Amino acid sequence: MSEIGAKIKKLRMERKWSQEFLAHKIGVGQQYISKYEAGRMVPSSKTVDKLAEAFEVSTDFLISKEKIDLSSVNLRDKKFRELLNELNDLNEEDLLTVKNVIEALVFRRKFKK
């Protein structure tokens, strides 16, 4: 399975959508969704745009191969490092929530100074 195929499948399943439903939503045949998810076909840039819109995520999120690498970050708390490594498995909405919480904490710390 390709990285984009895995993301498409994960996002679709999180929403409890069938392949047929997603296909109809973006205007392609169900067989294309099956091929994308299996890594037998890569969606065109136009289809990636439609998928991003349907899932309400960025196209960058769909096509990015990057994972969050925390190996060079000096974190003292082992449990915190373990939790941060779990960020790779969160969907985009949950990642945005985590980002907002961190930004709020940093802002509060800066404001107190």
Protein backbone atom coordinates (compact mmCIF):
# COMPACT_ATOMS: atom_id res chain seq x y z
CA MET A 1 0.00 0.00 0.00
CA SER A 2 1.35 3.44 -0.89
CA GLU A 3 1.58 6.19 1.70
CA ILE A 4 -1.19 8.18 0.06
CA GLY A 5 -3.25 5.01 -0.31
CA ALA A 6 -2.85 4.29 3.40
CA LYS A 7 -3.88 7.85 4.27
CA ILE A 8 -6.93 7.68 2.00
CA LYS A 9 -8.02 4.41 3.58
CA LYS A 10 -7.39 5.66 7.13
CA LEU A 11 -9.31 8.90 6.55
CA ARG A 12 -12.16 7.07 4.84
CA MET A 13 -12.46 4.50 7.61
CA GLU A 14 -12.29 7.17 10.35
CA ARG A 15 -15.37 8.70 8.75
CA LYS A 16 -17.02 5.29 8.28
CA TRP A 17 -17.36 5.95 4.55
CA SER A 18 -17.55 3.17 2.00
CA GLN A 19 -15.30 3.26 -1.03
CA GLU A 20 -18.43 3.80 -3.10
CA PHE A 21 -19.48 6.81 -1.00
CA LEU A 22 -16.05 8.43 -1.29
CA ALA A 23 -15.92 7.70 -5.01
CA HIS A 24 -19.28 9.39 -5.54
CA LYS A 25 -18.22 12.34 -3.36
CA ILE A 26 -15.15 13.05 -5.51
CA GLY A 27 -16.59 11.99 -8.86
CA VAL A 28 -14.65 8.83 -9.66
CA GLY A 29 -15.53 5.16 -9.89
CA GLN A 30 -15.28 2.95 -6.79
CA GLN A 31 -12.59 0.86 -8.49
CA TYR A 32 -10.27 3.90 -8.45
CA ILE A 33 -10.60 4.26 -4.68
CA SER A 34 -9.80 0.56 -4.33
CA LYS A 35 -6.71 0.96 -6.54
CA TYR A 36 -5.53 4.08 -4.67
CA GLU A 37 -5.86 2.37 -1.30
CA ALA A 38 -4.09 -0.78 -2.53
CA GLY A 39 -1.26 1.25 -4.03
CA ARG A 40 -1.96 -0.01 -7.54
CA MET A 41 -2.67 3.51 -8.79
CA VAL A 42 -1.74 7.04 -7.72
CA PRO A 43 -4.44 9.72 -7.86
CA SER A 44 -3.93 12.66 -10.21
CA SER A 45 -3.29 16.09 -8.72
CA LYS A 46 -6.90 17.03 -9.53
CA THR A 47 -8.14 13.97 -7.65
CA VAL A 48 -5.83 14.74 -4.71
CA ASP A 49 -7.45 18.19 -4.55
CA LYS A 50 -10.90 16.59 -4.48
CA LEU A 51 -9.84 14.06 -1.84
CA ALA A 52 -8.40 16.82 0.35
CA GLU A 53 -11.63 18.77 0.05
CA ALA A 54 -13.77 15.72 0.82
CA PHE A 55 -11.68 14.80 3.88
CA GLU A 56 -11.22 18.45 4.92
CA VAL A 57 -7.44 18.08 5.06
CA SER A 58 -4.64 19.78 3.16
CA THR A 59 -3.22 18.34 -0.02
CA ASP A 60 0.18 18.53 1.69
CA PHE A 61 -1.10 16.18 4.37
CA LEU A 62 -2.22 13.66 1.75
CA ILE A 63 0.95 13.67 -0.33
CA SER A 64 3.54 14.25 2.38
CA LYS A 65 5.81 11.33 3.13
CA GLU A 66 7.27 13.02 6.18
CA LYS A 67 6.79 11.65 9.61
CA ILE A 68 7.52 13.65 12.72
CA ASP A 69 11.10 12.87 13.76
CA LEU A 70 11.77 13.52 17.42
CA SER A 71 15.11 11.70 17.65
CA SER A 72 17.08 14.93 17.86
CA VAL A 73 14.76 16.61 20.39
CA ASN A 74 16.11 16.65 23.94
CA LEU A 75 13.15 15.66 26.06
CA ARG A 76 13.72 14.55 29.64
CA ASP A 77 10.42 12.79 30.24
CA LYS A 78 10.27 9.29 28.71
CA LYS A 79 6.44 9.11 28.75
CA PHE A 80 6.24 12.49 26.99
CA ARG A 81 8.63 11.25 24.26
CA GLU A 82 6.47 8.15 23.82
CA LEU A 83 3.33 10.26 23.50
CA LEU A 84 4.96 12.55 20.96
CA ASN A 85 5.91 9.54 18.85
CA GLU A 86 2.20 8.67 18.72
CA LEU A 87 1.54 11.93 16.84
CA ASN A 88 2.34 10.12 13.58
CA ASP A 89 -0.85 8.10 13.98
CA LEU A 90 -3.21 11.03 14.61
CA ASN A 91 -5.50 12.40 11.93
CA GLU A 92 -5.08 15.98 10.77
CA GLU A 93 -7.90 17.33 12.96
CA ASP A 94 -6.34 15.83 16.11
CA LEU A 95 -2.89 17.12 15.10
CA LEU A 96 -4.35 20.60 14.75
CA THR A 97 -5.82 20.32 18.26
CA VAL A 98 -2.43 19.28 19.67
CA LYS A 99 -0.76 22.17 17.84
CA ASN A 100 -3.30 24.67 19.18
CA VAL A 101 -2.84 23.45 22.76
CA ILE A 102 0.96 23.71 22.49
CA GLU A 103 0.73 27.19 20.94
CA ALA A 104 -1.59 28.31 23.75
CA LEU A 105 0.81 27.01 26.42
CA VAL A 106 3.80 28.69 24.76
CA PHE A 107 1.87 31.94 24.44
CA ARG A 108 0.84 31.78 28.11
CA ARG A 109 4.45 31.16 29.19
CA LYS A 110 5.68 34.10 27.10
CA PHE A 111 2.89 36.34 28.40
CA LYS A 112 3.80 35.60 32.03
CA LYS A 113 7.39 36.78 31.48
